[in-house]
Amino acid sequence: MPEQRNTYKGSPLRSWARLVLVGADGTTQQVEALADTGNPCALIVGQALLRQFNLGLAPGMSTNFGALDGGWLRIQIPELAFDQTILAYGSDAVLQAAQASHTDFAGLAGLPLLRKFEYGGNDDSFWLRSP
């Protein structure tokens, strides 16, 4: 079964997923997103990434991290043949919180995105699989 498997990283150790953002002009950027099942947003990235890859306006929201700007991001996970445009948000405060665990993290992948897959982990790694 196709899967993406990532060794935990950060302090404390965190599960994460590797995503590819695709811009309207076809440019791509690979990002690592901390997997957070307690996050009700599919994806939260920093403001700069949201501006660079945003495909359309969406309402923002107010959270305990402050205001989140809304937008639509095209996400690919090549190992899983996943390619969808999802509602996402931009917040430098959330980005800073994710990077407090590891500077490679470019945001948070929340439950709405993770539920599109089977996901889990064992003692050394976190995985995503096609359902």
C-alpha atoms as a PDB file:
ATOM      1  CA  MET A   1       0.000   0.000   0.000  1.00  0.00           C
ATOM      2  CA  PRO A   2       1.451   3.412  -0.932  1.00  0.00           C
ATOM      3  CA  GLU A   3       2.417   5.489   2.069  1.00  0.00           C
ATOM      4  CA  GLN A   4       4.428   8.428   3.234  1.00  0.00           C
ATOM      5  CA  ARG A   5       6.451   7.618   6.352  1.00  0.00           C
ATOM      6  CA  ASN A   6       8.326  10.274   8.312  1.00  0.00           C
ATOM      7  CA  THR A   7      10.570   9.818  11.338  1.00  0.00           C
ATOM      8  CA  TYR A   8       9.428  11.988  14.251  1.00  0.00           C
ATOM      9  CA  LYS A   9      11.359  15.229  14.657  1.00  0.00           C
ATOM     10  CA  GLY A  10      11.532  18.197  16.964  1.00  0.00           C
ATOM     11  CA  SER A  11      11.644  18.764  20.674  1.00  0.00           C
ATOM     12  CA  PRO A  12       9.428  17.267  21.854  1.00  0.00           C
ATOM     13  CA  LEU A  13       9.284  14.727  19.022  1.00  0.00           C
ATOM     14  CA  ARG A  14       6.390  15.453  16.650  1.00  0.00           C
ATOM     15  CA  SER A  15       4.576  13.698  13.830  1.00  0.00           C
ATOM     16  CA  TRP A  16       4.614  15.509  10.501  1.00  0.00           C
ATOM     17  CA  ALA A  17       3.692  15.236   6.833  1.00  0.00           C
ATOM     18  CA  ARG A  18       5.489  16.322   3.679  1.00  0.00           C
ATOM     19  CA  LEU A  19       3.244  18.330   1.345  1.00  0.00           C
ATOM     20  CA  VAL A  20       3.784  20.118  -1.945  1.00  0.00           C
ATOM     21  CA  LEU A  21       2.115  23.496  -2.471  1.00  0.00           C
ATOM     22  CA  VAL A  22       1.284  24.319  -6.103  1.00  0.00           C
ATOM     23  CA  GLY A  23       0.830  27.906  -7.246  1.00  0.00           C
ATOM     24  CA  ALA A  24      -1.473  29.219  -9.961  1.00  0.00           C
ATOM     25  CA  ASP A  25       1.570  29.535 -12.259  1.00  0.00           C
ATOM     26  CA  GLY A  26       2.640  25.918 -11.612  1.00  0.00           C
ATOM     27  CA  THR A  27       5.470  26.736  -9.220  1.00  0.00           C
ATOM     28  CA  THR A  28       5.857  24.264  -6.379  1.00  0.00           C
ATOM     29  CA  GLN A  29       7.324  24.238  -2.914  1.00  0.00           C
ATOM     30  CA  GLN A  30       7.709  21.253  -0.625  1.00  0.00           C
ATOM     31  CA  VAL A  31       6.800  21.942   3.001  1.00  0.00           C
ATOM     32  CA  GLU A  32       6.806  19.974   6.216  1.00  0.00           C
ATOM     33  CA  ALA A  33       3.676  20.399   8.309  1.00  0.00           C
ATOM     34  CA  LEU A  34       3.357  19.296  11.919  1.00  0.00           C
ATOM     35  CA  ALA A  35       0.447  16.811  12.130  1.00  0.00           C
ATOM     36  CA  ASP A  36      -2.040  18.102  14.703  1.00  0.00           C
ATOM     37  CA  THR A  37      -5.271  16.126  15.140  1.00  0.00           C
ATOM     38  CA  GLY A  38      -6.517  18.775  17.577  1.00  0.00           C
ATOM     39  CA  ASN A  39      -6.395  21.437  14.857  1.00  0.00           C
ATOM     40  CA  PRO A  40      -9.835  22.006  13.257  1.00  0.00           C
ATOM     41  CA  CYS A  41      -8.267  23.643  10.162  1.00  0.00           C
ATOM     42  CA  ALA A  42      -7.011  21.503   7.279  1.00  0.00           C
ATOM     43  CA  LEU A  43      -3.784  23.487   6.973  1.00  0.00           C
ATOM     44  CA  ILE A  44      -2.290  26.573   8.577  1.00  0.00           C
ATOM     45  CA  VAL A  45       0.911  28.012   7.089  1.00  0.00           C
ATOM     46  CA  GLY A  46       2.791  31.264   7.523  1.00  0.00           C
ATOM     47  CA  GLN A  47       1.423  34.424   5.937  1.00  0.00           C
ATOM     48  CA  ALA A  48       4.126  34.519   3.241  1.00  0.00           C
ATOM     49  CA  LEU A  49       3.311  30.990   1.995  1.00  0.00           C
ATOM     50  CA  LEU A  50      -0.404  31.727   1.980  1.00  0.00           C
ATOM     51  CA  ARG A  51       0.175  34.900  -0.067  1.00  0.00           C
ATOM     52  CA  GLN A  52       2.545  33.145  -2.484  1.00  0.00           C
ATOM     53  CA  PHE A  53       0.361  30.090  -3.181  1.00  0.00           C
ATOM     54  CA  ASN A  54      -3.165  31.394  -2.510  1.00  0.00           C
ATOM     55  CA  LEU A  55      -5.575  30.512  -5.324  1.00  0.00           C
ATOM     56  CA  GLY A  56      -8.560  32.471  -4.007  1.00  0.00           C
ATOM     57  CA  LEU A  57     -10.032  34.425  -1.152  1.00  0.00           C
ATOM     58  CA  ALA A  58     -11.801  32.751   1.742  1.00  0.00           C
ATOM     59  CA  PRO A  59     -13.131  34.087   5.037  1.00  0.00           C
ATOM     60  CA  GLY A  60     -10.679  34.288   7.896  1.00  0.00           C
ATOM     61  CA  MET A  61     -11.360  33.411  11.502  1.00  0.00           C
ATOM     62  CA  SER A  62     -10.445  34.512  14.987  1.00  0.00           C
ATOM     63  CA  THR A  63      -8.596  32.029  17.222  1.00  0.00           C
ATOM     64  CA  ASN A  64      -6.578  31.907  20.423  1.00  0.00           C
ATOM     65  CA  PHE A  65      -3.551  32.597  18.148  1.00  0.00           C
ATOM     66  CA  GLY A  66      -5.242  35.741  16.802  1.00  0.00           C
ATOM     67  CA  ALA A  67      -6.691  36.318  13.354  1.00  0.00           C
ATOM     68  CA  LEU A  68      -6.151  33.701  10.641  1.00  0.00           C
ATOM     69  CA  ASP A  69      -6.379  34.800   6.994  1.00  0.00           C
ATOM     70  CA  GLY A  70      -8.279  32.376   4.755  1.00  0.00           C
ATOM     71  CA  GLY A  71      -7.387  31.157   1.284  1.00  0.00           C
ATOM     72  CA  TRP A  72      -7.356  28.171  -1.041  1.00  0.00           C
ATOM     73  CA  LEU A  73      -4.175  26.130  -1.475  1.00  0.00           C
ATOM     74  CA  ARG A  74      -3.511  23.327  -3.933  1.00  0.00           C
ATOM     75  CA  ILE A  75      -1.837  20.500  -2.038  1.00  0.00           C
ATOM     76  CA  GLN A  76      -0.116  17.479  -3.523  1.00  0.00           C
ATOM     77  CA  ILE A  77       1.274  14.393  -1.834  1.00  0.00           C
ATOM     78  CA  PRO A  78       2.879  12.570  -4.767  1.00  0.00           C
ATOM     79  CA  GLU A  79       3.439   9.252  -2.947  1.00  0.00           C
ATOM     80  CA  LEU A  80      -0.317   9.005  -2.381  1.00  0.00           C
ATOM     81  CA  ALA A  81      -1.463  10.442  -5.740  1.00  0.00           C
ATOM     82  CA  PHE A  82      -3.191  13.202  -3.735  1.00  0.00           C
ATOM     83  CA  ASP A  83      -3.906  16.490  -5.500  1.00  0.00           C
ATOM     84  CA  GLN A  84      -6.648  18.733  -4.090  1.00  0.00           C
ATOM     85  CA  THR A  85      -7.378  22.371  -3.466  1.00  0.00           C
ATOM     86  CA  ILE A  86      -8.259  22.888   0.199  1.00  0.00           C
ATOM     87  CA  LEU A  87      -9.363  25.691   2.475  1.00  0.00           C
ATOM     88  CA  ALA A  88      -6.285  26.823   4.366  1.00  0.00           C
ATOM     89  CA  TYR A  89      -5.240  29.654   6.642  1.00  0.00           C
ATOM     90  CA  GLY A  90      -2.218  31.876   7.175  1.00  0.00           C
ATOM     91  CA  SER A  91      -0.831  32.866  10.569  1.00  0.00           C
ATOM     92  CA  ASP A  92       2.693  33.777  11.558  1.00  0.00           C
ATOM     93  CA  ALA A  93       1.779  33.148  15.223  1.00  0.00           C
ATOM     94  CA  VAL A  94       0.824  29.535  14.415  1.00  0.00           C
ATOM     95  CA  LEU A  95       3.959  29.167  12.287  1.00  0.00           C
ATOM     96  CA  GLN A  96       6.092  30.416  15.180  1.00  0.00           C
ATOM     97  CA  ALA A  97       4.436  27.911  17.553  1.00  0.00           C
ATOM     98  CA  ALA A  98       5.109  25.028  15.132  1.00  0.00           C
ATOM     99  CA  GLN A  99       8.712  26.118  14.624  1.00  0.00           C
ATOM    100  CA  ALA A 100       9.269  26.181  18.384  1.00  0.00           C
ATOM    101  CA  SER A 101       9.374  22.374  18.074  1.00  0.00           C
ATOM    102  CA  HIS A 102      11.458  22.289  14.861  1.00  0.00           C
ATOM    103  CA  THR A 103      12.504  25.026  12.445  1.00  0.00           C
ATOM    104  CA  ASP A 104      11.703  22.819   9.417  1.00  0.00           C
ATOM    105  CA  PHE A 105       7.974  22.989  10.133  1.00  0.00           C
ATOM    106  CA  ALA A 106       6.169  25.396   7.790  1.00  0.00           C
ATOM    107  CA  GLY A 107       2.783  25.037   9.491  1.00  0.00           C
ATOM    108  CA  LEU A 108       0.178  22.665  10.889  1.00  0.00           C
ATOM    109  CA  ALA A 109      -1.736  19.930   9.059  1.00  0.00           C
ATOM    110  CA  GLY A 110      -5.001  19.562  10.955  1.00  0.00           C
ATOM    111  CA  LEU A 111      -7.681  16.916  11.269  1.00  0.00           C
ATOM    112  CA  PRO A 112      -9.685  17.855   8.125  1.00  0.00           C
ATOM    113  CA  LEU A 113      -6.614  17.158   5.976  1.00  0.00           C
ATOM    114  CA  LEU A 114      -5.401  14.121   7.933  1.00  0.00           C
ATOM    115  CA  ARG A 115      -8.858  12.486   7.720  1.00  0.00           C
ATOM    116  CA  LYS A 116      -8.485  12.275   3.951  1.00  0.00           C
ATOM    117  CA  PHE A 117      -6.011   9.452   4.645  1.00  0.00           C
ATOM    118  CA  GLU A 118      -5.371   6.600   6.990  1.00  0.00           C
ATOM    119  CA  TYR A 119      -2.776   7.873   9.436  1.00  0.00           C
ATOM    120  CA  GLY A 120      -0.928   6.561  12.417  1.00  0.00           C
ATOM    121  CA  GLY A 121       2.424   5.937  13.922  1.00  0.00           C
ATOM    122  CA  ASN A 122       4.646   3.556  15.770  1.00  0.00           C
ATOM    123  CA  ASP A 123       7.620   4.026  18.070  1.00  0.00           C
ATOM    124  CA  ASP A 124       9.778   5.795  15.455  1.00  0.00           C
ATOM    125  CA  SER A 125       7.650   7.230  12.640  1.00  0.00           C
ATOM    126  CA  PHE A 126       4.330   8.699  11.527  1.00  0.00           C
ATOM    127  CA  TRP A 127       2.652   7.554   8.319  1.00  0.00           C
ATOM    128  CA  LEU A 128      -0.091   8.563   5.884  1.00  0.00           C
ATOM    129  CA  ARG A 129      -1.749   6.045   3.553  1.00  0.00           C
ATOM    130  CA  SER A 130      -4.412   6.308   0.890  1.00  0.00           C
ATOM    131  CA  PRO A 131      -7.774   5.139   2.276  1.00  0.00           C
END
